[in-house]
Amino acid sequence: MPHDSLDHDHAHSVLPSDPALRVKALETLLVQKGLIDPKTLDAIIDTYENKIGPQNGARLVAKAWSDPDFMAKLMSDATATALELGFYGRQGEHLVAVQNTEEVHNLVVCTLCSCYPWPLLGIPPSWYKSDAYRSRAVREPRKVLEEFGVQLNKGKEVRVWDSTAEIRYLVIPQRPLGTEGWSEDALASIVSRDSMVGTALAEVPQ
């Protein structure tokens, strides 16, 4: 135990103060001690940078907008439908899609921690994990949406969905007017991460 404590103290003493440099220095120490495999680490980084993230969710939404049959399948069984496009993995199980309409706007929160569909949206943003968002999204969703710049008609219902370890929710944004005839790639380009959480709208750039 004393040896472990010494190693721990030594690691702190040699790590630089800059966060990025600290991460790199810590990585180097762990590799040198044989505690991590650089190739495995590179594969993990590549996965999070290139294979999961909001671009996946945007592709799913764009296909749903373009194909009514696909939309129906997505709303019926989002987990299986996402799997058809190759989107699966940890934090992506038990997915439920909720669709924004003229009458309803959906907002997703995780009141207990930060449950989030990683394969489709990537790593959750810091605000999603914050105590303020987790509590206020339930109590005063309209005010929270306004702070994100989302102005809704007073008559539109706001539904708040609480993600858990068992169920994760994905918002299907309302398709903007003027996008008829667009390709799926073009449609995907206007679907943001936040619009799939409900804190933004899908909008055509001005």
N, C-alpha and C. Protein backbone atom coordinates (compact mmCIF):
# COMPACT_ATOMS: atom_id res chain seq x y z
N MET A 1 0.81 -1.22 0.00
CA MET A 1 0.00 0.00 0.00
C MET A 1 0.84 1.26 0.00
N PRO A 2 1.92 1.32 0.84
CA PRO A 2 2.74 2.54 0.81
C PRO A 2 3.32 2.79 -0.57
N HIS A 3 3.69 1.68 -1.30
CA HIS A 3 4.26 1.84 -2.63
C HIS A 3 3.23 2.43 -3.59
N ASP A 4 1.96 1.93 -3.49
CA ASP A 4 0.90 2.46 -4.34
C ASP A 4 0.69 3.94 -4.08
N SER A 5 0.72 4.32 -2.81
CA SER A 5 0.52 5.72 -2.44
C SER A 5 1.63 6.57 -3.01
N LEU A 6 2.86 6.06 -2.97
CA LEU A 6 4.01 6.81 -3.49
C LEU A 6 3.86 7.02 -4.98
N ASP A 7 3.45 5.96 -5.71
CA ASP A 7 3.26 6.08 -7.15
C ASP A 7 2.19 7.12 -7.46
N HIS A 8 1.12 7.11 -6.68
CA HIS A 8 0.02 8.05 -6.89
C HIS A 8 0.51 9.48 -6.69
N ASP A 9 1.25 9.71 -5.62
CA ASP A 9 1.76 11.05 -5.35
C ASP A 9 2.75 11.48 -6.42
N HIS A 10 3.57 10.53 -6.88
CA HIS A 10 4.57 10.86 -7.90
C HIS A 10 3.89 11.28 -9.20
N ALA A 11 2.80 10.55 -9.56
CA ALA A 11 2.08 10.89 -10.79
C ALA A 11 1.56 12.31 -10.73
N HIS A 12 1.03 12.71 -9.57
CA HIS A 12 0.52 14.07 -9.43
C HIS A 12 1.64 15.10 -9.55
N SER A 13 2.81 14.74 -9.06
CA SER A 13 3.91 15.71 -9.05
C SER A 13 4.48 15.95 -10.43
N VAL A 14 4.37 14.96 -11.33
CA VAL A 14 4.98 15.12 -12.65
C VAL A 14 3.97 15.58 -13.70
N LEU A 15 2.67 15.59 -13.37
CA LEU A 15 1.68 16.02 -14.35
C LEU A 15 1.65 17.53 -14.46
N PRO A 16 1.68 18.08 -15.67
CA PRO A 16 1.64 19.54 -15.85
C PRO A 16 0.27 20.10 -15.47
N SER A 17 0.19 21.41 -15.37
CA SER A 17 -1.05 22.05 -14.93
C SER A 17 -2.09 22.17 -16.04
N ASP A 18 -1.66 22.34 -17.30
CA ASP A 18 -2.61 22.48 -18.40
C ASP A 18 -3.39 21.17 -18.58
N PRO A 19 -4.74 21.23 -18.65
CA PRO A 19 -5.55 20.01 -18.72
C PRO A 19 -5.17 19.08 -19.87
N ALA A 20 -4.98 19.63 -21.07
CA ALA A 20 -4.63 18.79 -22.21
C ALA A 20 -3.29 18.10 -22.01
N LEU A 21 -2.34 18.85 -21.47
CA LEU A 21 -1.02 18.27 -21.21
C LEU A 21 -1.09 17.24 -20.09
N ARG A 22 -1.94 17.48 -19.12
CA ARG A 22 -2.12 16.52 -18.02
C ARG A 22 -2.65 15.19 -18.55
N VAL A 23 -3.62 15.29 -19.46
CA VAL A 23 -4.18 14.07 -20.04
C VAL A 23 -3.11 13.30 -20.80
N LYS A 24 -2.32 14.01 -21.61
CA LYS A 24 -1.27 13.35 -22.39
C LYS A 24 -0.22 12.75 -21.48
N ALA A 25 0.17 13.48 -20.43
CA ALA A 25 1.17 12.97 -19.50
C ALA A 25 0.65 11.74 -18.77
N LEU A 26 -0.61 11.78 -18.36
CA LEU A 26 -1.20 10.63 -17.67
C LEU A 26 -1.26 9.43 -18.60
N GLU A 27 -1.63 9.67 -19.87
CA GLU A 27 -1.66 8.59 -20.85
C GLU A 27 -0.28 7.96 -20.99
N THR A 28 0.74 8.80 -21.08
CA THR A 28 2.11 8.31 -21.22
C THR A 28 2.51 7.45 -20.03
N LEU A 29 2.19 7.91 -18.82
CA LEU A 29 2.52 7.15 -17.61
C LEU A 29 1.82 5.79 -17.60
N LEU A 30 0.55 5.78 -17.98
CA LEU A 30 -0.21 4.53 -17.97
C LEU A 30 0.32 3.55 -19.02
N VAL A 31 0.72 4.07 -20.17
CA VAL A 31 1.30 3.21 -21.21
C VAL A 31 2.63 2.64 -20.74
N GLN A 32 3.46 3.49 -20.14
CA GLN A 32 4.76 3.04 -19.64
C GLN A 32 4.63 1.96 -18.58
N LYS A 33 3.59 2.05 -17.76
CA LYS A 33 3.37 1.06 -16.70
C LYS A 33 2.65 -0.18 -17.22
N GLY A 34 2.30 -0.18 -18.50
CA GLY A 34 1.62 -1.32 -19.09
C GLY A 34 0.17 -1.47 -18.68
N LEU A 35 -0.43 -0.38 -18.21
CA LEU A 35 -1.81 -0.43 -17.74
C LEU A 35 -2.82 -0.22 -18.86
N ILE A 36 -2.40 0.39 -19.96
CA ILE A 36 -3.28 0.54 -21.11
C ILE A 36 -2.50 0.23 -22.38
N ASP A 37 -3.22 -0.23 -23.40
CA ASP A 37 -2.63 -0.53 -24.71
C ASP A 37 -2.88 0.66 -25.64
N PRO A 38 -1.83 1.29 -26.18
CA PRO A 38 -2.02 2.45 -27.06
C PRO A 38 -2.96 2.18 -28.23
N LYS A 39 -2.88 0.99 -28.82
CA LYS A 39 -3.74 0.67 -29.96
C LYS A 39 -5.21 0.63 -29.55
N THR A 40 -5.46 0.06 -28.37
CA THR A 40 -6.84 0.02 -27.87
C THR A 40 -7.35 1.42 -27.60
N LEU A 41 -6.49 2.25 -27.03
CA LEU A 41 -6.87 3.63 -26.74
C LEU A 41 -7.18 4.38 -28.03
N ASP A 42 -6.34 4.19 -29.04
CA ASP A 42 -6.57 4.85 -30.33
C ASP A 42 -7.90 4.41 -30.95
N ALA A 43 -8.21 3.12 -30.79
CA ALA A 43 -9.46 2.59 -31.34
C ALA A 43 -10.67 3.21 -30.64
N ILE A 44 -10.55 3.38 -29.32
CA ILE A 44 -11.65 3.99 -28.56
C ILE A 44 -11.85 5.44 -29.00
N ILE A 45 -10.75 6.18 -29.14
CA ILE A 45 -10.83 7.57 -29.56
C ILE A 45 -11.45 7.68 -30.95
N ASP A 46 -11.02 6.80 -31.86
CA ASP A 46 -11.56 6.81 -33.22
C ASP A 46 -13.07 6.54 -33.22
N THR A 47 -13.49 5.63 -32.35
CA THR A 47 -14.91 5.31 -32.25
C THR A 47 -15.72 6.53 -31.86
N TYR A 48 -15.26 7.23 -30.80
CA TYR A 48 -16.02 8.38 -30.32
C TYR A 48 -15.93 9.59 -31.25
N GLU A 49 -14.84 9.68 -32.01
CA GLU A 49 -14.69 10.83 -32.90
C GLU A 49 -15.39 10.61 -34.24
N ASN A 50 -15.39 9.36 -34.72
CA ASN A 50 -15.82 9.13 -36.10
C ASN A 50 -16.99 8.16 -36.29
N LYS A 51 -17.23 7.29 -35.30
CA LYS A 51 -18.22 6.23 -35.51
C LYS A 51 -19.50 6.44 -34.72
N ILE A 52 -19.45 7.23 -33.66
CA ILE A 52 -20.68 7.56 -32.95
C ILE A 52 -20.78 9.07 -32.87
N GLY A 53 -21.97 9.54 -32.61
CA GLY A 53 -22.12 10.99 -32.51
C GLY A 53 -23.37 11.47 -33.20
N PRO A 54 -23.64 12.76 -33.14
CA PRO A 54 -24.88 13.31 -33.68
C PRO A 54 -25.06 13.12 -35.18
N GLN A 55 -23.98 12.88 -35.91
CA GLN A 55 -24.14 12.63 -37.34
C GLN A 55 -24.96 11.35 -37.57
N ASN A 56 -24.86 10.40 -36.64
CA ASN A 56 -25.65 9.17 -36.76
C ASN A 56 -27.13 9.45 -36.51
N GLY A 57 -27.40 10.18 -35.45
CA GLY A 57 -28.79 10.54 -35.18
C GLY A 57 -29.39 11.35 -36.31
N ALA A 58 -28.60 12.25 -36.89
CA ALA A 58 -29.09 13.08 -38.00
C ALA A 58 -29.44 12.22 -39.21
N ARG A 59 -28.65 11.21 -39.48
CA ARG A 59 -28.95 10.30 -40.59
C ARG A 59 -30.26 9.56 -40.35
N LEU A 60 -30.46 9.15 -39.09
CA LEU A 60 -31.69 8.44 -38.74
C LEU A 60 -32.91 9.35 -38.93
N VAL A 61 -32.80 10.58 -38.46
CA VAL A 61 -33.90 11.54 -38.60
C VAL A 61 -34.19 11.83 -40.07
N ALA A 62 -33.13 12.06 -40.84
CA ALA A 62 -33.30 12.39 -42.26
C ALA A 62 -34.01 11.26 -43.00
N LYS A 63 -33.64 10.03 -42.68
CA LYS A 63 -34.30 8.89 -43.34
C LYS A 63 -35.77 8.81 -42.92
N ALA A 64 -36.03 9.09 -41.64
CA ALA A 64 -37.42 9.06 -41.16
C ALA A 64 -38.25 10.15 -41.83
N TRP A 65 -37.67 11.32 -42.01
CA TRP A 65 -38.38 12.40 -42.71
C TRP A 65 -38.69 12.02 -44.16
N SER A 66 -37.77 11.27 -44.78
CA SER A 66 -37.88 10.97 -46.21
C SER A 66 -38.74 9.74 -46.50
N ASP A 67 -38.88 8.86 -45.52
CA ASP A 67 -39.52 7.57 -45.75
C ASP A 67 -40.58 7.32 -44.67
N PRO A 68 -41.86 7.50 -45.01
CA PRO A 68 -42.93 7.30 -44.02
C PRO A 68 -42.93 5.91 -43.39
N ASP A 69 -42.61 4.89 -44.18
CA ASP A 69 -42.57 3.53 -43.63
C ASP A 69 -41.47 3.40 -42.59
N PHE A 70 -40.32 4.01 -42.88
CA PHE A 70 -39.22 3.97 -41.93
C PHE A 70 -39.60 4.74 -40.66
N MET A 71 -40.26 5.88 -40.83
CA MET A 71 -40.71 6.65 -39.67
C MET A 71 -41.64 5.81 -38.79
N ALA A 72 -42.56 5.10 -39.41
CA ALA A 72 -43.49 4.27 -38.65
C ALA A 72 -42.75 3.19 -37.88
N LYS A 73 -41.77 2.57 -38.51
CA LYS A 73 -40.97 1.55 -37.83
C LYS A 73 -40.17 2.15 -36.69
N LEU A 74 -39.63 3.34 -36.92
CA LEU A 74 -38.83 4.01 -35.89
C LEU A 74 -39.67 4.33 -34.66
N MET A 75 -40.88 4.81 -34.88
CA MET A 75 -41.75 5.14 -33.76
C MET A 75 -42.25 3.89 -33.04
N SER A 76 -42.32 2.78 -33.77
CA SER A 76 -42.79 1.53 -33.17
C SER A 76 -41.70 0.82 -32.39
N ASP A 77 -40.49 0.78 -32.94
CA ASP A 77 -39.36 0.09 -32.28
C ASP A 77 -38.07 0.78 -32.70
N ALA A 78 -37.71 1.81 -31.96
CA ALA A 78 -36.55 2.62 -32.34
C ALA A 78 -35.24 1.84 -32.22
N THR A 79 -35.15 0.96 -31.23
CA THR A 79 -33.91 0.20 -31.04
C THR A 79 -33.61 -0.66 -32.25
N ALA A 80 -34.60 -1.44 -32.68
CA ALA A 80 -34.41 -2.33 -33.83
C ALA A 80 -34.21 -1.54 -35.12
N THR A 81 -34.90 -0.43 -35.25
CA THR A 81 -34.80 0.37 -36.48
C THR A 81 -33.44 1.04 -36.58
N ALA A 82 -32.92 1.53 -35.45
CA ALA A 82 -31.57 2.12 -35.45
C ALA A 82 -30.53 1.05 -35.79
N LEU A 83 -30.77 -0.16 -35.30
CA LEU A 83 -29.84 -1.26 -35.57
C LEU A 83 -29.77 -1.56 -37.07
N GLU A 84 -30.88 -1.37 -37.79
CA GLU A 84 -30.88 -1.59 -39.23
C GLU A 84 -29.84 -0.72 -39.93
N LEU A 85 -29.59 0.46 -39.39
CA LEU A 85 -28.60 1.37 -39.98
C LEU A 85 -27.22 1.19 -39.35
N GLY A 86 -27.09 0.20 -38.48
CA GLY A 86 -25.80 -0.09 -37.86
C GLY A 86 -25.51 0.71 -36.61
N PHE A 87 -26.53 1.34 -36.04
CA PHE A 87 -26.33 2.15 -34.84
C PHE A 87 -26.74 1.35 -33.61
N TYR A 88 -25.75 0.95 -32.85
CA TYR A 88 -26.00 0.16 -31.65
C TYR A 88 -24.80 0.32 -30.73
N GLY A 89 -24.90 -0.28 -29.56
CA GLY A 89 -23.78 -0.26 -28.63
C GLY A 89 -24.20 0.24 -27.26
N ARG A 90 -23.21 0.33 -26.40
CA ARG A 90 -23.45 0.75 -25.02
C ARG A 90 -24.14 2.12 -25.00
N GLN A 91 -25.11 2.26 -24.14
CA GLN A 91 -25.92 3.47 -23.99
C GLN A 91 -26.90 3.66 -25.15
N GLY A 92 -26.95 2.68 -26.03
CA GLY A 92 -27.89 2.79 -27.14
C GLY A 92 -29.01 1.77 -27.09
N GLU A 93 -29.02 0.99 -26.00
CA GLU A 93 -30.06 -0.03 -25.86
C GLU A 93 -31.38 0.61 -25.41
N HIS A 94 -32.47 -0.05 -25.74
CA HIS A 94 -33.80 0.37 -25.27
C HIS A 94 -34.09 1.83 -25.64
N LEU A 95 -33.98 2.11 -26.92
CA LEU A 95 -34.20 3.46 -27.43
C LEU A 95 -35.67 3.68 -27.76
N VAL A 96 -36.18 4.85 -27.41
CA VAL A 96 -37.55 5.24 -27.75
C VAL A 96 -37.50 6.57 -28.49
N ALA A 97 -38.15 6.63 -29.65
CA ALA A 97 -38.21 7.87 -30.43
C ALA A 97 -39.51 8.60 -30.12
N VAL A 98 -39.41 9.91 -29.95
CA VAL A 98 -40.60 10.75 -29.72
C VAL A 98 -40.58 11.85 -30.78
N GLN A 99 -41.71 12.08 -31.41
CA GLN A 99 -41.76 12.95 -32.60
C GLN A 99 -42.38 14.30 -32.29
N ASN A 100 -41.69 15.36 -32.68
CA ASN A 100 -42.26 16.71 -32.58
C ASN A 100 -43.28 16.91 -33.70
N THR A 101 -44.37 17.59 -33.36
CA THR A 101 -45.43 17.86 -34.33
C THR A 101 -45.90 19.30 -34.17
N GLU A 102 -46.92 19.67 -34.92
CA GLU A 102 -47.51 21.00 -34.77
C GLU A 102 -48.11 21.19 -33.38
N GLU A 103 -48.54 20.09 -32.77
CA GLU A 103 -49.21 20.17 -31.47
C GLU A 103 -48.29 19.92 -30.28
N VAL A 104 -47.19 19.18 -30.49
CA VAL A 104 -46.36 18.73 -29.37
C VAL A 104 -44.89 18.99 -29.62
N HIS A 105 -44.20 19.49 -28.57
CA HIS A 105 -42.74 19.60 -28.60
C HIS A 105 -42.19 18.73 -27.48
N ASN A 106 -41.21 17.90 -27.79
CA ASN A 106 -40.63 16.98 -26.81
C ASN A 106 -39.28 17.48 -26.32
N LEU A 107 -39.02 17.24 -25.05
CA LEU A 107 -37.76 17.63 -24.42
C LEU A 107 -37.26 16.46 -23.59
N VAL A 108 -35.98 16.13 -23.73
CA VAL A 108 -35.41 15.00 -23.01
C VAL A 108 -34.47 15.48 -21.91
N VAL A 109 -34.54 14.81 -20.78
CA VAL A 109 -33.68 15.10 -19.64
C VAL A 109 -33.38 13.78 -18.94
N CYS A 110 -32.35 13.75 -18.13
CA CYS A 110 -32.12 12.61 -17.24
C CYS A 110 -31.99 13.20 -15.84
N THR A 111 -33.02 13.03 -15.03
CA THR A 111 -33.04 13.68 -13.72
C THR A 111 -32.11 13.02 -12.72
N LEU A 112 -31.74 11.77 -12.95
CA LEU A 112 -30.89 11.07 -11.98
C LEU A 112 -29.41 11.21 -12.27
N CYS A 113 -29.04 11.19 -13.54
CA CYS A 113 -27.60 11.28 -13.86
C CYS A 113 -27.44 11.92 -15.24
N SER A 114 -27.01 11.14 -16.23
CA SER A 114 -26.84 11.71 -17.58
C SER A 114 -27.06 10.64 -18.64
N CYS A 115 -28.08 9.79 -18.46
CA CYS A 115 -28.39 8.75 -19.44
C CYS A 115 -28.70 9.41 -20.78
N TYR A 116 -28.16 8.83 -21.85
CA TYR A 116 -28.11 9.54 -23.13
C TYR A 116 -27.79 8.52 -24.22
N PRO A 117 -28.40 8.60 -25.40
CA PRO A 117 -28.12 7.62 -26.47
C PRO A 117 -26.80 7.90 -27.19
N TRP A 118 -25.71 7.50 -26.59
CA TRP A 118 -24.37 7.80 -27.12
C TRP A 118 -24.18 7.41 -28.58
N PRO A 119 -24.58 6.19 -29.02
CA PRO A 119 -24.32 5.83 -30.42
C PRO A 119 -24.93 6.80 -31.43
N LEU A 120 -26.03 7.47 -31.03
CA LEU A 120 -26.71 8.38 -31.95
C LEU A 120 -26.37 9.85 -31.72
N LEU A 121 -25.99 10.21 -30.51
CA LEU A 121 -25.74 11.62 -30.20
C LEU A 121 -24.34 11.91 -29.70
N GLY A 122 -23.53 10.88 -29.49
CA GLY A 122 -22.19 11.10 -28.97
C GLY A 122 -22.20 11.31 -27.46
N ILE A 123 -21.14 11.92 -26.96
CA ILE A 123 -21.02 12.16 -25.52
C ILE A 123 -21.93 13.31 -25.11
N PRO A 124 -22.66 13.18 -24.02
CA PRO A 124 -23.58 14.25 -23.62
C PRO A 124 -22.86 15.55 -23.29
N PRO A 125 -23.42 16.69 -23.68
CA PRO A 125 -22.79 17.98 -23.37
C PRO A 125 -22.87 18.28 -21.87
N SER A 126 -22.01 19.17 -21.42
CA SER A 126 -21.94 19.47 -19.99
C SER A 126 -23.27 20.00 -19.45
N TRP A 127 -23.97 20.82 -20.24
CA TRP A 127 -25.23 21.37 -19.74
C TRP A 127 -26.27 20.30 -19.50
N TYR A 128 -26.24 19.21 -20.28
CA TYR A 128 -27.20 18.12 -20.11
C TYR A 128 -26.99 17.44 -18.76
N LYS A 129 -25.75 17.42 -18.30
CA LYS A 129 -25.41 16.75 -17.04
C LYS A 129 -25.52 17.68 -15.84
N SER A 130 -25.76 18.95 -16.07
CA SER A 130 -25.76 19.93 -14.98
C SER A 130 -27.00 19.77 -14.09
N ASP A 131 -26.83 20.09 -12.81
CA ASP A 131 -27.95 20.02 -11.87
C ASP A 131 -29.08 20.96 -12.29
N ALA A 132 -28.70 22.14 -12.80
CA ALA A 132 -29.71 23.13 -13.18
C ALA A 132 -30.62 22.60 -14.29
N TYR A 133 -30.03 22.05 -15.34
CA TYR A 133 -30.86 21.53 -16.44
C TYR A 133 -31.70 20.36 -15.96
N ARG A 134 -31.11 19.45 -15.21
CA ARG A 134 -31.80 18.24 -14.79
C ARG A 134 -33.02 18.55 -13.91
N SER A 135 -32.94 19.60 -13.13
CA SER A 135 -34.07 19.95 -12.27
C SER A 135 -35.06 20.89 -12.96
N ARG A 136 -34.55 21.88 -13.67
CA ARG A 136 -35.43 22.90 -14.24
C ARG A 136 -36.18 22.41 -15.48
N ALA A 137 -35.59 21.48 -16.22
CA ALA A 137 -36.27 20.98 -17.42
C ALA A 137 -37.61 20.34 -17.07
N VAL A 138 -37.69 19.78 -15.88
CA VAL A 138 -38.94 19.16 -15.43
C VAL A 138 -39.89 20.20 -14.86
N ARG A 139 -39.36 21.13 -14.07
CA ARG A 139 -40.20 22.12 -13.39
C ARG A 139 -40.71 23.21 -14.32
N GLU A 140 -39.83 23.71 -15.17
CA GLU A 140 -40.18 24.86 -16.01
C GLU A 140 -39.62 24.68 -17.42
N PRO A 141 -40.10 23.68 -18.14
CA PRO A 141 -39.53 23.36 -19.45
C PRO A 141 -39.61 24.51 -20.46
N ARG A 142 -40.70 25.25 -20.45
CA ARG A 142 -40.83 26.35 -21.42
C ARG A 142 -39.77 27.42 -21.19
N LYS A 143 -39.52 27.72 -19.94
CA LYS A 143 -38.51 28.73 -19.63
C LYS A 143 -37.12 28.25 -20.04
N VAL A 144 -36.85 26.98 -19.78
CA VAL A 144 -35.57 26.40 -20.19
C VAL A 144 -35.43 26.48 -21.71
N LEU A 145 -36.48 26.13 -22.42
CA LEU A 145 -36.44 26.17 -23.89
C LEU A 145 -36.21 27.60 -24.38
N GLU A 146 -36.84 28.56 -23.75
CA GLU A 146 -36.63 29.95 -24.14
C GLU A 146 -35.18 30.36 -23.96
N GLU A 147 -34.55 29.87 -22.89
CA GLU A 147 -33.14 30.20 -22.66
C GLU A 147 -32.24 29.57 -23.71
N PHE A 148 -32.70 28.49 -24.32
CA PHE A 148 -31.97 27.87 -25.43
C PHE A 148 -32.33 28.52 -26.76
N GLY A 149 -33.23 29.50 -26.73
CA GLY A 149 -33.63 30.19 -27.95
C GLY A 149 -34.80 29.56 -28.68
N VAL A 150 -35.50 28.65 -28.02
CA VAL A 150 -36.65 27.99 -28.64
C VAL A 150 -37.94 28.67 -28.18
N GLN A 151 -38.60 29.34 -29.10
CA GLN A 151 -39.85 30.03 -28.81
C GLN A 151 -41.00 29.20 -29.39
N LEU A 152 -41.87 28.73 -28.52
CA LEU A 152 -43.00 27.90 -28.95
C LEU A 152 -44.31 28.67 -28.82
N ASN A 153 -45.25 28.33 -29.68
CA ASN A 153 -46.60 28.89 -29.53
C ASN A 153 -47.18 28.47 -28.18
N LYS A 154 -47.95 29.36 -27.58
CA LYS A 154 -48.50 29.07 -26.25
C LYS A 154 -49.39 27.83 -26.26
N GLY A 155 -50.00 27.56 -27.39
CA GLY A 155 -50.89 26.41 -27.45
C GLY A 155 -50.19 25.07 -27.64
N LYS A 156 -48.89 25.10 -27.90
CA LYS A 156 -48.17 23.85 -28.14
C LYS A 156 -47.84 23.17 -26.82
N GLU A 157 -48.14 21.89 -26.73
CA GLU A 157 -47.85 21.12 -25.52
C GLU A 157 -46.36 20.77 -25.46
N VAL A 158 -45.77 20.86 -24.28
CA VAL A 158 -44.38 20.44 -24.08
C VAL A 158 -44.39 19.17 -23.24
N ARG A 159 -43.82 18.12 -23.80
CA ARG A 159 -43.72 16.86 -23.07
C ARG A 159 -42.26 16.63 -22.68
N VAL A 160 -42.03 16.35 -21.42
CA VAL A 160 -40.68 16.12 -20.91
C VAL A 160 -40.51 14.63 -20.66
N TRP A 161 -39.45 14.07 -21.24
CA TRP A 161 -39.17 12.64 -21.12
C TRP A 161 -37.91 12.44 -20.28
N ASP A 162 -38.01 11.59 -19.27
CA ASP A 162 -36.91 11.36 -18.34
C ASP A 162 -36.17 10.08 -18.72
N SER A 163 -34.99 10.23 -19.33
CA SER A 163 -34.19 9.06 -19.70
C SER A 163 -33.69 8.36 -18.44
N THR A 164 -33.57 7.05 -18.53
CA THR A 164 -33.07 6.25 -17.41
C THR A 164 -32.08 5.23 -17.95
N ALA A 165 -31.56 4.40 -17.05
CA ALA A 165 -30.66 3.34 -17.47
C ALA A 165 -31.40 2.32 -18.33
N GLU A 166 -32.73 2.25 -18.17
CA GLU A 166 -33.53 1.28 -18.92
C GLU A 166 -34.00 1.83 -20.27
N ILE A 167 -34.30 3.13 -20.34
CA ILE A 167 -34.85 3.72 -21.56
C ILE A 167 -34.16 5.04 -21.87
N ARG A 168 -33.76 5.20 -23.14
CA ARG A 168 -33.19 6.48 -23.59
C ARG A 168 -34.05 7.01 -24.73
N TYR A 169 -34.27 8.30 -24.71
CA TYR A 169 -35.18 8.92 -25.67
C TYR A 169 -34.42 9.72 -26.73
N LEU A 170 -34.98 9.71 -27.93
CA LEU A 170 -34.44 10.49 -29.04
C LEU A 170 -35.58 11.30 -29.64
N VAL A 171 -35.41 12.62 -29.69
CA VAL A 171 -36.43 13.48 -30.28
C VAL A 171 -36.28 13.50 -31.81
N ILE A 172 -37.38 13.26 -32.50
CA ILE A 172 -37.40 13.42 -33.95
C ILE A 172 -37.94 14.83 -34.21
N PRO A 173 -37.07 15.77 -34.60
CA PRO A 173 -37.52 17.16 -34.78
C PRO A 173 -38.58 17.26 -35.88
N GLN A 174 -39.34 18.33 -35.83
CA GLN A 174 -40.32 18.59 -36.88
C GLN A 174 -39.58 19.04 -38.14
N ARG A 175 -39.93 18.44 -39.25
CA ARG A 175 -39.26 18.78 -40.51
C ARG A 175 -39.63 20.21 -40.92
N PRO A 176 -38.63 21.02 -41.23
CA PRO A 176 -38.92 22.41 -41.61
C PRO A 176 -39.62 22.50 -42.97
N LEU A 177 -40.46 23.49 -43.12
CA LEU A 177 -41.06 23.77 -44.41
C LEU A 177 -39.98 24.20 -45.39
N GLY A 178 -40.20 23.92 -46.67
CA GLY A 178 -39.23 24.31 -47.68
C GLY A 178 -38.14 23.29 -47.94
N THR A 179 -38.26 22.11 -47.32
CA THR A 179 -37.24 21.08 -47.52
C THR A 179 -37.76 19.93 -48.38
N GLU A 180 -38.91 20.13 -48.99
CA GLU A 180 -39.46 19.10 -49.86
C GLU A 180 -38.49 18.83 -51.02
N GLY A 181 -38.26 17.57 -51.30
CA GLY A 181 -37.38 17.20 -52.40
C GLY A 181 -35.91 17.16 -52.03
N TRP A 182 -35.57 17.52 -50.80
CA TRP A 182 -34.17 17.48 -50.38
C TRP A 182 -33.69 16.03 -50.27
N SER A 183 -32.41 15.82 -50.53
CA SER A 183 -31.81 14.50 -50.33
C SER A 183 -31.65 14.24 -48.84
N GLU A 184 -31.42 12.98 -48.49
CA GLU A 184 -31.21 12.64 -47.07
C GLU A 184 -29.96 13.33 -46.52
N ASP A 185 -28.93 13.44 -47.34
CA ASP A 185 -27.71 14.12 -46.88
C ASP A 185 -28.00 15.59 -46.57
N ALA A 186 -28.77 16.23 -47.43
CA ALA A 186 -29.10 17.64 -47.20
C ALA A 186 -29.95 17.79 -45.95
N LEU A 187 -30.90 16.89 -45.77
CA LEU A 187 -31.75 16.94 -44.59
C LEU A 187 -30.93 16.71 -43.32
N ALA A 188 -30.02 15.75 -43.37
CA ALA A 188 -29.20 15.45 -42.19
C ALA A 188 -28.37 16.65 -41.77
N SER A 189 -28.01 17.48 -42.73
CA SER A 189 -27.14 18.63 -42.42
C SER A 189 -27.83 19.69 -41.57
N ILE A 190 -29.16 19.65 -41.49
CA ILE A 190 -29.87 20.66 -40.69
C ILE A 190 -30.38 20.08 -39.37
N VAL A 191 -30.00 18.84 -39.08
CA VAL A 191 -30.41 18.20 -37.83
C VAL A 191 -29.25 18.27 -36.84
N SER A 192 -29.41 19.04 -35.81
CA SER A 192 -28.34 19.20 -34.81
C SER A 192 -28.53 18.26 -33.64
N ARG A 193 -27.47 18.09 -32.88
CA ARG A 193 -27.56 17.29 -31.65
C ARG A 193 -28.66 17.83 -30.74
N ASP A 194 -28.66 19.15 -30.54
CA ASP A 194 -29.62 19.74 -29.60
C ASP A 194 -31.06 19.55 -30.06
N SER A 195 -31.28 19.54 -31.38
CA SER A 195 -32.65 19.34 -31.87
C SER A 195 -33.14 17.94 -31.57
N MET A 196 -32.22 16.99 -31.40
CA MET A 196 -32.61 15.61 -31.07
C MET A 196 -32.72 15.39 -29.57
N VAL A 197 -32.39 16.41 -28.80
CA VAL A 197 -32.65 16.42 -27.36
C VAL A 197 -33.91 17.23 -27.08
N GLY A 198 -34.19 18.18 -27.98
CA GLY A 198 -35.36 19.02 -27.85
C GLY A 198 -35.07 20.44 -27.45
N THR A 199 -33.78 20.77 -27.29
CA THR A 199 -33.41 22.14 -26.90
C THR A 199 -33.12 23.04 -28.10
N ALA A 200 -33.45 22.56 -29.29
CA ALA A 200 -33.31 23.37 -30.51
C ALA A 200 -34.32 22.84 -31.52
N LEU A 201 -34.51 23.62 -32.57
CA LEU A 201 -35.37 23.21 -33.68
C LEU A 201 -34.50 22.92 -34.90
N ALA A 202 -34.98 22.05 -35.76
CA ALA A 202 -34.32 21.87 -37.05
C ALA A 202 -34.76 23.03 -37.94
N GLU A 203 -33.81 23.77 -38.45
CA GLU A 203 -34.15 24.97 -39.23
C GLU A 203 -33.32 25.05 -40.50
N VAL A 204 -33.91 25.62 -41.52
CA VAL A 204 -33.20 25.85 -42.78
C VAL A 204 -32.33 27.10 -42.61
N PRO A 205 -31.04 27.02 -42.92
CA PRO A 205 -30.17 28.19 -42.79
C PRO A 205 -30.66 29.35 -43.64
N GLN A 206 -30.59 30.54 -43.10
CA GLN A 206 -31.02 31.74 -43.83
C GLN A 206 -29.94 32.18 -44.81
